[in-house]
Structures are given as C-alpha cells and as structure tokens.
Amino acid sequence: MSTIPRPSGPGPEGQGCGLPEGGDRALRVSLEHKFDGFEQQAWRSFQRASARLWGLVAHAVSAHSDLSPADYVVLSALAAEPLGTVRLFELASCLGWEKSRLSHQVGRMASRGLVQKRRCPSDKRGTFVAVTSVGQEKLLAAAPAEAAAVRRLFAAKLSHGQLAALASACESLLVATEATTDEGHTRSHSPPAGGAS
C-alpha cells in the first residue's frame, strides 16, 4: 500500500529526516538567517500539523475503503479543482510531491480507472490529469470515513474561534498564492476537449 509522503525535515519528534550528521543543525541555522523566531515557529507548526493530519485522515479513509492513502490524497486534490482536472505539474506543486513520484502514482490510478491522463492541446509537453466517474464514486463512498476522521482529528480539537481564524488565514494564503505555482507558471483550469469521464 502506498504511503503519504512527508515534507522533508525533522519529524514530529525531531528525528529521522535523512540528513547527514550535522545536516539538521545546518538547516536550522540556515532557516534562522531567513526567518525570525515567530515566523519560523508558525511555518514549522503549520507544515508539521498539515502533514500529520493529511496522513492520519488518509489512513483512516484507507482502512474503510479500497483506496490507498495516496489514492485518496490525489483524488481529493482533483475533486477540489473546479472541473476535476488539473495539469500534472500543478498537482505535484499542490501536493508537494516530486513529479516523478506523482507520475507513477497517476499511472497506477489510471490503470484502475480512477483518473485519466490527457495531453494539453496548448503545450505538447504538458499533461492534464482528470478524475473519472469511477474515481468520483470511490471518493464519494469514502466520504463518511473522511468526515468522521476530520471531525475527530481536526474539528473536535479546536474551538469555533480557532476554526474561524484558521479558515480565514488559509483563505488569505490561497488568494495570495493562486495566481502562480512555485515554478512560476500561471495556473490553468481549462481541460482538453472531452472532459472527465
């Protein structure tokens, strides 16, 4: 079964990030020169909490469906797109995955009929990924397990005021970063002709 990739860097207990001895200290020193303490704490907390919650929810869904955690993450990201379709590089950027890893995952999902890959008509090197009707049905069937996990692991742990503040902060981030991806490409939601099946 696939596993959810975690962001590089120290784990929840500050161990096992795959860096050579002394590498973790060098990374921390480097970050300290770029962020002040408050910014660094906010960023690290957001990064770690997001990765941990995604993993826990994905595994909870996997335990009650035939979707692997990675299947769930990809399908959820596609379902969040206006047309259920997005360019491969944009999906990789959204998930924080290496493009090669995402390509292999999408290939496995396409062979099971969960997604489709199509060439971008305006960029012969580009590829669109679209959720299929089968993928939509699988995600819908997993919705009760997803909702229960989100309530138990996320909503129930925060007050109404904390949820409102978090939602407002995330919306501000989404608006501020919507125009371009980390590769400097303008986002495009226009799918190739045919739409998702």
C-alpha atoms as a PDB file:
ATOM      1  CA  MET A   1       0.000   0.000   0.000  1.00  0.00           C
ATOM      2  CA  SER A   2       1.238   3.457  -0.815  1.00  0.00           C
ATOM      3  CA  THR A   3       2.105   5.850   1.948  1.00  0.00           C
ATOM      4  CA  ILE A   4       1.648   9.568   2.270  1.00  0.00           C
ATOM      5  CA  PRO A   5       4.900  11.413   1.583  1.00  0.00           C
ATOM      6  CA  ARG A   6       6.001  13.665   4.409  1.00  0.00           C
ATOM      7  CA  PRO A   7       7.740  17.023   3.996  1.00  0.00           C
ATOM      8  CA  SER A   8      11.494  16.823   4.373  1.00  0.00           C
ATOM      9  CA  GLY A   9      12.953  17.954   7.642  1.00  0.00           C
ATOM     10  CA  PRO A  10      12.640  16.850  11.257  1.00  0.00           C
ATOM     11  CA  GLY A  11       9.748  14.539  12.113  1.00  0.00           C
ATOM     12  CA  PRO A  12       7.216  15.197  14.884  1.00  0.00           C
ATOM     13  CA  GLU A  13       9.781  14.252  17.484  1.00  0.00           C
ATOM     14  CA  GLY A  14      12.635  15.997  15.670  1.00  0.00           C
ATOM     15  CA  GLN A  15      14.181  12.736  14.465  1.00  0.00           C
ATOM     16  CA  GLY A  16      14.865  10.908  11.250  1.00  0.00           C
ATOM     17  CA  CYS A  17      14.925  13.464   8.441  1.00  0.00           C
ATOM     18  CA  GLY A  18      17.502  11.648   6.315  1.00  0.00           C
ATOM     19  CA  LEU A  19      20.137  14.363   6.655  1.00  0.00           C
ATOM     20  CA  PRO A  20      23.798  13.536   7.255  1.00  0.00           C
ATOM     21  CA  GLU A  21      25.145  14.094  10.732  1.00  0.00           C
ATOM     22  CA  GLY A  22      25.168  17.815  11.402  1.00  0.00           C
ATOM     23  CA  GLY A  23      22.844  18.450   8.461  1.00  0.00           C
ATOM     24  CA  ASP A  24      19.840  19.155  10.650  1.00  0.00           C
ATOM     25  CA  ARG A  25      21.774  21.769  12.615  1.00  0.00           C
ATOM     26  CA  ALA A  26      22.980  23.354   9.359  1.00  0.00           C
ATOM     27  CA  LEU A  27      19.400  23.507   8.080  1.00  0.00           C
ATOM     28  CA  ARG A  28      18.187  25.133  11.287  1.00  0.00           C
ATOM     29  CA  VAL A  29      20.998  27.691  11.160  1.00  0.00           C
ATOM     30  CA  SER A  30      20.155  28.441   7.520  1.00  0.00           C
ATOM     31  CA  LEU A  31      16.477  28.943   8.337  1.00  0.00           C
ATOM     32  CA  GLU A  32      17.305  31.145  11.288  1.00  0.00           C
ATOM     33  CA  HIS A  33      19.005  33.571   8.912  1.00  0.00           C
ATOM     34  CA  LYS A  34      15.861  33.747   6.739  1.00  0.00           C
ATOM     35  CA  PHE A  35      13.026  33.764   9.291  1.00  0.00           C
ATOM     36  CA  ASP A  36      12.579  35.418  12.624  1.00  0.00           C
ATOM     37  CA  GLY A  37      11.620  33.144  15.510  1.00  0.00           C
ATOM     38  CA  PHE A  38       7.885  33.832  15.295  1.00  0.00           C
ATOM     39  CA  GLU A  39       7.760  33.235  11.525  1.00  0.00           C
ATOM     40  CA  GLN A  40       9.788  30.061  11.820  1.00  0.00           C
ATOM     41  CA  GLN A  41       7.581  28.668  14.594  1.00  0.00           C
ATOM     42  CA  ALA A  42       4.396  29.456  12.655  1.00  0.00           C
ATOM     43  CA  TRP A  43       5.720  27.896   9.445  1.00  0.00           C
ATOM     44  CA  ARG A  44       7.073  24.751  11.093  1.00  0.00           C
ATOM     45  CA  SER A  45       3.889  24.230  13.114  1.00  0.00           C
ATOM     46  CA  PHE A  46       1.696  24.676  10.031  1.00  0.00           C
ATOM     47  CA  GLN A  47       3.877  22.339   7.961  1.00  0.00           C
ATOM     48  CA  ARG A  48       4.032  19.600  10.579  1.00  0.00           C
ATOM     49  CA  ALA A  49       0.344  19.782  11.521  1.00  0.00           C
ATOM     50  CA  SER A  50      -0.756  19.715   7.867  1.00  0.00           C
ATOM     51  CA  ALA A  51       1.416  16.710   7.015  1.00  0.00           C
ATOM     52  CA  ARG A  52       0.381  14.798  10.127  1.00  0.00           C
ATOM     53  CA  LEU A  53      -3.346  15.459   9.692  1.00  0.00           C
ATOM     54  CA  TRP A  54      -3.300  14.574   5.987  1.00  0.00           C
ATOM     55  CA  GLY A  55      -1.580  11.302   6.800  1.00  0.00           C
ATOM     56  CA  LEU A  56      -3.925  10.383   9.637  1.00  0.00           C
ATOM     57  CA  VAL A  57      -7.072  11.199   7.659  1.00  0.00           C
ATOM     58  CA  ALA A  58      -5.790   9.371   4.569  1.00  0.00           C
ATOM     59  CA  HIS A  59      -5.005   6.231   6.566  1.00  0.00           C
ATOM     60  CA  ALA A  60      -8.406   6.381   8.268  1.00  0.00           C
ATOM     61  CA  VAL A  61     -10.083   6.540   4.861  1.00  0.00           C
ATOM     62  CA  SER A  62      -7.893   3.716   3.544  1.00  0.00           C
ATOM     63  CA  ALA A  63      -8.946   1.483   6.448  1.00  0.00           C
ATOM     64  CA  HIS A  64     -12.607   1.806   5.388  1.00  0.00           C
ATOM     65  CA  SER A  65     -12.257   1.726   1.582  1.00  0.00           C
ATOM     66  CA  ASP A  66     -10.240   0.195  -1.223  1.00  0.00           C
ATOM     67  CA  LEU A  67      -8.383   3.481  -1.789  1.00  0.00           C
ATOM     68  CA  SER A  68      -4.773   3.656  -0.688  1.00  0.00           C
ATOM     69  CA  PRO A  69      -3.738   6.761   1.278  1.00  0.00           C
ATOM     70  CA  ALA A  70      -2.009   8.106  -1.844  1.00  0.00           C
ATOM     71  CA  ASP A  71      -5.124   7.423  -3.972  1.00  0.00           C
ATOM     72  CA  TYR A  72      -7.199   9.414  -1.501  1.00  0.00           C
ATOM     73  CA  VAL A  73      -4.823  12.380  -1.460  1.00  0.00           C
ATOM     74  CA  VAL A  74      -4.709  12.608  -5.276  1.00  0.00           C
ATOM     75  CA  LEU A  75      -8.462  12.180  -5.717  1.00  0.00           C
ATOM     76  CA  SER A  76      -9.188  14.763  -3.013  1.00  0.00           C
ATOM     77  CA  ALA A  77      -6.912  17.285  -4.704  1.00  0.00           C
ATOM     78  CA  LEU A  78      -8.559  16.680  -8.094  1.00  0.00           C
ATOM     79  CA  ALA A  79     -12.056  16.901  -6.596  1.00  0.00           C
ATOM     80  CA  ALA A  80     -11.161  20.317  -5.195  1.00  0.00           C
ATOM     81  CA  GLU A  81     -10.479  21.633  -8.707  1.00  0.00           C
ATOM     82  CA  PRO A  82     -13.427  23.376 -10.452  1.00  0.00           C
ATOM     83  CA  LEU A  83     -13.597  20.790 -13.255  1.00  0.00           C
ATOM     84  CA  GLY A  84     -11.868  17.885 -11.524  1.00  0.00           C
ATOM     85  CA  THR A  85      -8.972  18.429 -13.916  1.00  0.00           C
ATOM     86  CA  VAL A  86      -5.541  19.963 -13.448  1.00  0.00           C
ATOM     87  CA  ARG A  87      -2.113  19.929 -15.077  1.00  0.00           C
ATOM     88  CA  LEU A  88       0.259  17.317 -13.730  1.00  0.00           C
ATOM     89  CA  PHE A  89       2.892  19.844 -12.637  1.00  0.00           C
ATOM     90  CA  GLU A  90       0.240  21.902 -10.817  1.00  0.00           C
ATOM     91  CA  LEU A  91      -0.987  18.805  -8.995  1.00  0.00           C
ATOM     92  CA  ALA A  92       2.584  17.951  -7.985  1.00  0.00           C
ATOM     93  CA  SER A  93       3.052  21.500  -6.689  1.00  0.00           C
ATOM     94  CA  CYS A  94      -0.240  21.387  -4.780  1.00  0.00           C
ATOM     95  CA  LEU A  95       0.657  18.106  -3.078  1.00  0.00           C
ATOM     96  CA  GLY A  96       4.329  18.891  -2.564  1.00  0.00           C
ATOM     97  CA  TRP A  97       5.283  15.669  -4.381  1.00  0.00           C
ATOM     98  CA  GLU A  98       8.150  15.002  -6.770  1.00  0.00           C
ATOM     99  CA  LYS A  99       6.757  14.956 -10.314  1.00  0.00           C
ATOM    100  CA  SER A 100       8.264  11.515 -10.952  1.00  0.00           C
ATOM    101  CA  ARG A 101       6.516  10.083  -7.885  1.00  0.00           C
ATOM    102  CA  LEU A 102       3.207  11.655  -8.894  1.00  0.00           C
ATOM    103  CA  SER A 103       3.585  10.373 -12.463  1.00  0.00           C
ATOM    104  CA  HIS A 104       3.972   6.802 -11.187  1.00  0.00           C
ATOM    105  CA  GLN A 105       1.025   7.195  -8.798  1.00  0.00           C
ATOM    106  CA  VAL A 106      -1.199   8.679 -11.514  1.00  0.00           C
ATOM    107  CA  GLY A 107      -0.171   5.854 -13.844  1.00  0.00           C
ATOM    108  CA  ARG A 108      -1.243   3.243 -11.298  1.00  0.00           C
ATOM    109  CA  MET A 109      -4.515   5.046 -10.694  1.00  0.00           C
ATOM    110  CA  ALA A 110      -5.173   5.381 -14.433  1.00  0.00           C
ATOM    111  CA  SER A 111      -4.733   1.624 -14.862  1.00  0.00           C
ATOM    112  CA  ARG A 112      -7.512   1.137 -12.293  1.00  0.00           C
ATOM    113  CA  GLY A 113      -9.784   3.688 -13.977  1.00  0.00           C
ATOM    114  CA  LEU A 114      -9.650   6.249 -11.145  1.00  0.00           C
ATOM    115  CA  VAL A 115      -8.117   9.034 -13.258  1.00  0.00           C
ATOM    116  CA  GLN A 116      -7.341   9.821 -16.883  1.00  0.00           C
ATOM    117  CA  LYS A 117      -4.293  11.480 -18.409  1.00  0.00           C
ATOM    118  CA  ARG A 118      -4.628  13.720 -21.464  1.00  0.00           C
ATOM    119  CA  ARG A 119      -2.184  15.805 -23.436  1.00  0.00           C
ATOM    120  CA  CYS A 120      -2.523  19.559 -23.137  1.00  0.00           C
ATOM    121  CA  PRO A 121      -3.518  20.968 -26.558  1.00  0.00           C
ATOM    122  CA  SER A 122      -1.655  24.236 -25.969  1.00  0.00           C
ATOM    123  CA  ASP A 123       1.521  22.590 -24.653  1.00  0.00           C
ATOM    124  CA  LYS A 124       2.561  19.288 -26.189  1.00  0.00           C
ATOM    125  CA  ARG A 125       4.829  18.581 -23.222  1.00  0.00           C
ATOM    126  CA  GLY A 126       2.020  19.211 -20.727  1.00  0.00           C
ATOM    127  CA  THR A 127      -0.360  16.616 -19.319  1.00  0.00           C
ATOM    128  CA  PHE A 128      -3.777  17.043 -17.743  1.00  0.00           C
ATOM    129  CA  VAL A 129      -4.975  14.681 -15.024  1.00  0.00           C
ATOM    130  CA  ALA A 130      -8.739  14.269 -14.625  1.00  0.00           C
ATOM    131  CA  VAL A 131     -10.776  12.358 -12.066  1.00  0.00           C
ATOM    132  CA  THR A 132     -13.086   9.816 -13.740  1.00  0.00           C
ATOM    133  CA  SER A 133     -16.611   8.815 -12.766  1.00  0.00           C
ATOM    134  CA  VAL A 134     -15.116   5.711 -11.128  1.00  0.00           C
ATOM    135  CA  GLY A 135     -12.753   7.876  -9.108  1.00  0.00           C
ATOM    136  CA  GLN A 136     -15.605  10.158  -8.092  1.00  0.00           C
ATOM    137  CA  GLU A 137     -17.678   7.175  -6.944  1.00  0.00           C
ATOM    138  CA  LYS A 138     -14.796   5.779  -4.899  1.00  0.00           C
ATOM    139  CA  LEU A 139     -14.190   9.153  -3.247  1.00  0.00           C
ATOM    140  CA  LEU A 140     -17.920   9.581  -2.539  1.00  0.00           C
ATOM    141  CA  ALA A 141     -18.065   6.119  -0.953  1.00  0.00           C
ATOM    142  CA  ALA A 142     -15.134   7.097   1.291  1.00  0.00           C
ATOM    143  CA  ALA A 143     -16.806  10.383   2.351  1.00  0.00           C
ATOM    144  CA  PRO A 144     -18.344   9.071   5.628  1.00  0.00           C
ATOM    145  CA  ALA A 145     -14.958   7.779   6.821  1.00  0.00           C
ATOM    146  CA  GLU A 146     -13.329  11.036   5.763  1.00  0.00           C
ATOM    147  CA  ALA A 147     -15.907  13.177   7.575  1.00  0.00           C
ATOM    148  CA  ALA A 148     -15.604  11.126  10.760  1.00  0.00           C
ATOM    149  CA  ALA A 149     -11.808  11.342  10.716  1.00  0.00           C
ATOM    150  CA  VAL A 150     -11.800  15.097  10.043  1.00  0.00           C
ATOM    151  CA  ARG A 151     -14.228  15.737  12.892  1.00  0.00           C
ATOM    152  CA  ARG A 152     -12.308  13.516  15.321  1.00  0.00           C
ATOM    153  CA  LEU A 153      -8.773  14.606  14.424  1.00  0.00           C
ATOM    154  CA  PHE A 154      -9.325  18.238  13.431  1.00  0.00           C
ATOM    155  CA  ALA A 155     -12.630  19.962  14.163  1.00  0.00           C
ATOM    156  CA  ALA A 156     -13.111  18.480  17.626  1.00  0.00           C
ATOM    157  CA  LYS A 157      -9.632  19.605  18.689  1.00  0.00           C
ATOM    158  CA  LEU A 158     -10.242  23.316  18.011  1.00  0.00           C
ATOM    159  CA  SER A 159     -12.700  25.886  19.299  1.00  0.00           C
ATOM    160  CA  HIS A 160     -15.103  27.682  16.975  1.00  0.00           C
ATOM    161  CA  GLY A 161     -12.928  30.786  17.177  1.00  0.00           C
ATOM    162  CA  GLN A 162      -9.783  28.825  16.332  1.00  0.00           C
ATOM    163  CA  LEU A 163     -11.505  27.196  13.349  1.00  0.00           C
ATOM    164  CA  ALA A 164     -12.691  30.582  12.081  1.00  0.00           C
ATOM    165  CA  ALA A 165      -9.228  32.119  12.446  1.00  0.00           C
ATOM    166  CA  LEU A 166      -7.595  29.153  10.731  1.00  0.00           C
ATOM    167  CA  ALA A 167     -10.083  29.238   7.858  1.00  0.00           C
ATOM    168  CA  SER A 168      -9.510  32.982   7.383  1.00  0.00           C
ATOM    169  CA  ALA A 169      -5.724  32.595   7.415  1.00  0.00           C
ATOM    170  CA  CYS A 170      -5.802  29.734   4.912  1.00  0.00           C
ATOM    171  CA  GLU A 171      -8.134  31.628   2.578  1.00  0.00           C
ATOM    172  CA  SER A 172      -5.715  34.570   2.650  1.00  0.00           C
ATOM    173  CA  LEU A 173      -2.859  32.225   1.720  1.00  0.00           C
ATOM    174  CA  LEU A 174      -4.866  30.636  -1.089  1.00  0.00           C
ATOM    175  CA  VAL A 175      -5.767  34.005  -2.586  1.00  0.00           C
ATOM    176  CA  ALA A 176      -2.172  35.221  -2.314  1.00  0.00           C
ATOM    177  CA  THR A 177      -0.708  32.124  -3.992  1.00  0.00           C
ATOM    178  CA  GLU A 178      -3.444  31.265  -6.526  1.00  0.00           C
ATOM    179  CA  ALA A 179      -2.002  33.195  -9.489  1.00  0.00           C
ATOM    180  CA  THR A 180       1.163  31.158  -9.950  1.00  0.00           C
ATOM    181  CA  THR A 181       2.753  27.889  -8.886  1.00  0.00           C
ATOM    182  CA  ASP A 182       6.196  27.536  -7.371  1.00  0.00           C
ATOM    183  CA  GLU A 183       7.614  27.050 -10.879  1.00  0.00           C
ATOM    184  CA  GLY A 184       6.314  30.445 -11.982  1.00  0.00           C
ATOM    185  CA  HIS A 185       3.646  29.039 -14.284  1.00  0.00           C
ATOM    186  CA  THR A 186       0.221  30.624 -14.438  1.00  0.00           C
ATOM    187  CA  ARG A 187      -2.421  28.191 -13.228  1.00  0.00           C
ATOM    188  CA  SER A 188      -4.891  26.952 -15.815  1.00  0.00           C
ATOM    189  CA  HIS A 189      -8.097  25.043 -15.125  1.00  0.00           C
ATOM    190  CA  SER A 190      -9.019  24.632 -18.806  1.00  0.00           C
ATOM    191  CA  PRO A 191      -9.163  20.906 -19.592  1.00  0.00           C
ATOM    192  CA  PRO A 192      -8.620  19.384 -23.033  1.00  0.00           C
ATOM    193  CA  ALA A 193     -11.691  18.607 -25.087  1.00  0.00           C
ATOM    194  CA  GLY A 194     -13.750  15.715 -23.829  1.00  0.00           C
ATOM    195  CA  GLY A 195     -13.826  16.444 -20.101  1.00  0.00           C
ATOM    196  CA  ALA A 196     -13.556  13.837 -17.363  1.00  0.00           C
ATOM    197  CA  SER A 197     -15.198  10.507 -17.985  1.00  0.00           C
END
